[in-house]
Protein backbone atom coordinates (compact mmCIF):
# COMPACT_ATOMS: atom_id res chain seq x y z
CA MET A 1 56.91 -26.68 37.10
CA SER A 2 53.33 -27.35 36.20
CA GLU A 3 50.49 -25.01 36.35
CA ASP A 4 47.33 -26.22 37.80
CA LYS A 5 44.26 -24.77 36.12
CA VAL A 6 41.40 -24.12 38.37
CA GLU A 7 37.92 -24.00 36.87
CA ASP A 8 35.34 -22.13 38.81
CA THR A 9 31.91 -23.72 38.57
CA ILE A 10 28.76 -21.69 39.20
CA ASP A 11 25.62 -23.58 39.88
CA VAL A 12 22.54 -21.76 38.48
CA THR A 13 19.14 -23.03 39.50
CA VAL A 14 16.34 -22.17 37.04
CA PRO A 15 12.91 -22.29 38.76
CA ALA A 16 10.47 -24.70 36.95
CA VAL A 17 7.59 -22.90 35.31
CA THR A 18 4.23 -24.61 35.77
CA VAL A 19 1.52 -23.75 33.26
CA HIS A 20 -1.97 -24.39 34.48
CA GLN A 21 -4.66 -24.83 31.92
CA GLU A 22 -8.20 -25.47 32.72
CA ILE A 23 -9.58 -28.38 30.84
CA PRO A 24 -13.35 -28.84 31.06
CA VAL A 25 -14.22 -32.27 32.34
CA VAL A 26 -17.27 -33.85 30.85
CA ILE A 27 -18.98 -36.13 33.36
CA GLY A 28 -20.83 -39.07 31.85
CA GLY A 29 -22.91 -41.96 33.09
CA GLU A 30 -26.57 -42.48 33.81
CA LYS A 31 -28.83 -39.43 34.13
CA GLN A 32 -29.24 -38.47 37.79
CA GLY A 33 -31.72 -35.64 37.42
CA VAL A 34 -35.35 -35.68 37.04
CA LYS A 35 -37.21 -35.54 33.68
CA CYS A 36 -39.71 -32.63 33.33
CA CYS A 37 -43.28 -34.00 33.94
CA GLY A 38 -41.69 -37.45 34.34
CA CYS A 39 -40.99 -38.13 30.75
CA CYS A 40 -40.67 -34.96 28.51
CA CYS A 41 -37.09 -33.51 28.72
CA ASP A 42 -34.52 -32.21 31.23
CA TYR A 43 -35.33 -29.11 33.19
CA ARG A 44 -32.77 -26.90 31.22
CA ARG A 45 -34.38 -27.67 27.97
CA ALA A 46 -37.88 -27.26 29.52
CA VAL A 47 -36.99 -23.73 30.85
CA ILE A 48 -35.89 -22.73 27.35
CA ILE A 49 -38.96 -24.09 25.71
CA VAL A 50 -41.40 -22.38 28.07
CA GLY A 51 -39.46 -19.24 27.65
CA ILE A 52 -39.96 -19.42 23.88
CA VAL A 53 -43.72 -20.19 24.25
CA GLY A 54 -44.00 -17.45 26.81
CA ILE A 55 -42.54 -14.87 24.34
CA CYS A 56 -45.05 -16.05 21.59
CA ILE A 57 -48.00 -15.67 24.07
CA ASN A 58 -46.85 -12.17 25.01
CA ILE A 59 -46.59 -11.17 21.47
CA TYR A 60 -50.06 -12.34 20.85
CA PHE A 61 -51.19 -10.54 23.98
CA ILE A 62 -49.64 -7.28 22.78
CA VAL A 63 -51.44 -7.52 19.40
CA ASP A 64 -54.62 -8.46 21.00
CA THR A 65 -54.41 -5.49 23.39
CA ILE A 66 -53.59 -3.09 20.53
CA MET A 67 -56.69 -4.18 18.75
CA GLU A 68 -59.08 -4.00 21.67
CA TRP A 69 -57.65 -1.16 23.78
CA ASN A 70 -56.31 1.65 21.51
CA ASP A 71 -55.98 4.23 24.31
CA GLU A 72 -54.15 4.76 27.57
CA VAL A 73 -55.43 1.65 28.98
CA GLY A 74 -54.07 -0.34 26.14
CA ASN A 75 -50.67 1.28 26.57
CA TYR A 76 -50.66 0.30 30.25
CA LEU A 77 -51.63 -3.23 29.59
CA MET A 78 -49.27 -3.59 26.65
CA SER A 79 -46.39 -2.51 28.77
CA GLY A 80 -46.85 -5.72 30.86
CA GLY A 81 -46.43 -7.82 27.67
CA VAL A 82 -43.25 -5.89 26.57
CA ILE A 83 -41.65 -6.38 30.07
CA GLY A 84 -42.71 -10.05 29.92
CA ILE A 85 -40.85 -10.61 26.68
CA PHE A 86 -37.66 -8.99 28.13
CA PHE A 87 -37.78 -11.20 31.30
CA LEU A 88 -38.56 -14.37 29.40
CA ALA A 89 -35.59 -13.84 27.11
CA PHE A 90 -33.58 -13.20 30.36
CA GLN A 91 -34.95 -16.65 31.63
CA ILE A 92 -33.64 -18.30 28.44
CA VAL A 93 -30.14 -16.85 28.93
CA ALA A 94 -30.27 -17.94 32.58
CA ALA A 95 -30.91 -21.58 31.53
CA ILE A 96 -28.18 -21.50 28.89
CA LYS A 97 -25.63 -20.17 31.45
CA TYR A 98 -26.81 -22.47 34.37
CA ASN A 99 -26.81 -19.27 36.46
CA LEU A 100 -28.54 -19.58 39.79
CA CYS A 101 -28.92 -15.87 40.51
CA MET A 102 -30.60 -15.23 37.08
CA LEU A 103 -32.79 -18.45 37.59
CA TRP A 104 -34.08 -17.06 40.86
CA THR A 105 -34.76 -13.67 39.29
CA ALA A 106 -36.80 -15.40 36.55
CA PHE A 107 -38.71 -17.34 39.18
CA PHE A 108 -39.58 -14.27 41.11
CA PHE A 109 -40.60 -12.41 37.97
CA GLN A 110 -42.95 -15.30 37.02
CA LEU A 111 -44.69 -14.87 40.37
CA ILE A 112 -44.89 -11.09 39.92
CA LYS A 113 -46.24 -11.55 36.29
CA PHE A 114 -48.84 -14.13 37.48
CA ALA A 115 -50.17 -11.50 40.05
CA PHE A 116 -50.22 -8.87 37.26
CA ASP A 117 -52.14 -11.15 34.83
CA ILE A 118 -54.76 -12.03 37.53
CA PHE A 119 -55.09 -8.23 38.15
CA GLU A 120 -55.42 -7.61 34.46
CA ILE A 121 -58.15 -10.15 33.99
CA LEU A 122 -60.23 -8.70 36.83
CA HIS A 123 -59.33 -5.05 35.60
CA LYS A 124 -60.47 -5.77 32.02
CA GLN A 125 -63.71 -7.23 33.30
CA GLU A 126 -64.34 -4.05 35.35
CA LEU A 127 -63.53 -1.87 32.30
CA ARG A 128 -65.89 -3.77 30.02
CA ILE A 129 -68.72 -3.55 32.57
CA ASP A 130 -68.09 0.24 33.01
CA LEU A 131 -68.22 0.52 29.19
CA LEU A 132 -71.57 -1.07 28.95
CA ASP A 133 -72.96 1.13 31.69
CA SER A 134 -71.49 4.31 30.32
CA ASP A 135 -72.78 6.69 27.51
CA ASP A 136 -69.43 6.62 25.78
CA ASP A 137 -69.89 5.79 22.07
CA LYS A 138 -66.15 5.41 21.51
CA TYR A 139 -66.57 1.59 21.49
CA ASP A 140 -69.28 -0.57 19.86
CA LYS A 141 -70.99 -2.03 22.80
CA ASP A 142 -72.24 -5.01 20.78
CA GLU A 143 -68.62 -6.08 20.60
CA VAL A 144 -67.87 -5.66 24.34
CA PHE A 145 -67.64 -9.17 25.79
CA VAL A 146 -68.21 -9.48 29.55
CA TYR A 147 -67.41 -12.67 31.19
CA THR A 148 -69.90 -14.52 33.33
CA SER A 149 -68.84 -15.56 36.87
CA SER A 150 -67.99 -19.09 35.69
CA GLN A 151 -66.16 -17.84 32.57
CA LEU A 152 -64.11 -15.51 34.69
CA ALA A 153 -63.29 -18.38 37.15
CA ILE A 154 -62.29 -20.61 34.32
CA GLU A 155 -59.89 -18.03 32.95
CA ILE A 156 -58.24 -17.49 36.31
CA ILE A 157 -57.90 -21.27 36.78
CA VAL A 158 -56.40 -21.69 33.32
CA ASN A 159 -53.86 -18.89 34.20
CA ILE A 160 -52.97 -20.68 37.35
CA ILE A 161 -52.28 -23.92 35.44
CA VAL A 162 -50.29 -22.16 32.77
CA TYR A 163 -48.09 -20.31 35.23
CA ALA A 164 -47.67 -23.61 37.28
CA LEU A 165 -46.25 -25.13 34.10
CA PHE A 166 -44.00 -22.19 33.57
CA ILE A 167 -42.60 -22.04 37.14
CA TYR A 168 -42.26 -25.80 37.67
CA PRO A 169 -39.25 -26.31 35.36
CA ILE A 170 -37.51 -23.27 36.75
CA VAL A 171 -37.71 -24.56 40.24
CA GLY A 172 -36.61 -28.02 39.02
CA MET A 173 -33.51 -26.55 37.31
CA ILE A 174 -32.62 -24.37 40.26
CA LEU A 175 -32.70 -27.39 42.59
CA GLU A 176 -30.54 -29.48 40.24
CA VAL A 177 -27.96 -26.76 39.61
CA LYS A 178 -27.74 -25.90 43.36
CA SER A 179 -27.29 -29.67 44.15
CA GLY A 180 -24.53 -29.99 41.47
CA ILE A 181 -26.54 -32.53 39.39
CA MET A 182 -26.67 -30.11 36.39
CA SER A 183 -24.02 -27.98 35.20
CA ALA A 184 -22.06 -27.34 31.92
CA ALA A 185 -19.92 -30.45 32.72
CA THR A 186 -22.71 -32.81 33.54
CA TYR A 187 -25.28 -31.61 30.96
CA PRO A 188 -24.19 -34.22 28.37
CA ARG A 189 -25.18 -36.73 30.99
CA GLU A 190 -28.42 -34.94 32.01
CA ALA A 191 -29.65 -33.95 28.55
CA HIS A 192 -32.96 -35.69 27.64
CA SER A 193 -35.67 -35.14 25.28
CA CYS A 194 -38.66 -37.32 24.18
CA CYS A 195 -38.89 -35.90 20.71
CA CYS A 196 -35.61 -34.52 19.40
CA LEU A 197 -31.82 -34.80 19.87
CA ARG A 198 -30.52 -35.67 23.23
CA LYS A 199 -27.80 -33.00 23.22
CA VAL A 200 -28.25 -29.24 22.82
């Protein structure tokens, strides 16, 4: 008599494990965005450059204010320069990160700073006129410079032009980031400079 051996088979199903790994995709091809001023550089690079230039201007402004107004008025005016340096550094970070919210914040700050600077020009003019009319001997009146109407108008026009040059690349970058033309993936395609390396 033979014994039949029965083998029990157990089917075990092991679920497949899928590992998702984000691999950045670099998009190449021809540049689709606009060059700042038509020929200079891409908007991201322009925003960073004007941010650095703006920081240098604000440092000069702070030093000039300390030398001219060594009192409470000077402290008030100097605070605008310090705040300006902070937000210009913020603007540079916004461009580096392609962050729309930060770029909008930088845009509105530039508008506010423009209004503050125009107010400052007019306020300084009034202070200088008051100093000339007062009996205060704290300042040497021979060194107090009061603008003529044409000089005052020229300084205001120059400020308008400077702020237009500062705001223009921010608006350009906002539009390109919002439309998807410029991003971390597309920047190798969009990078452009008329005077230095193409890539940042």
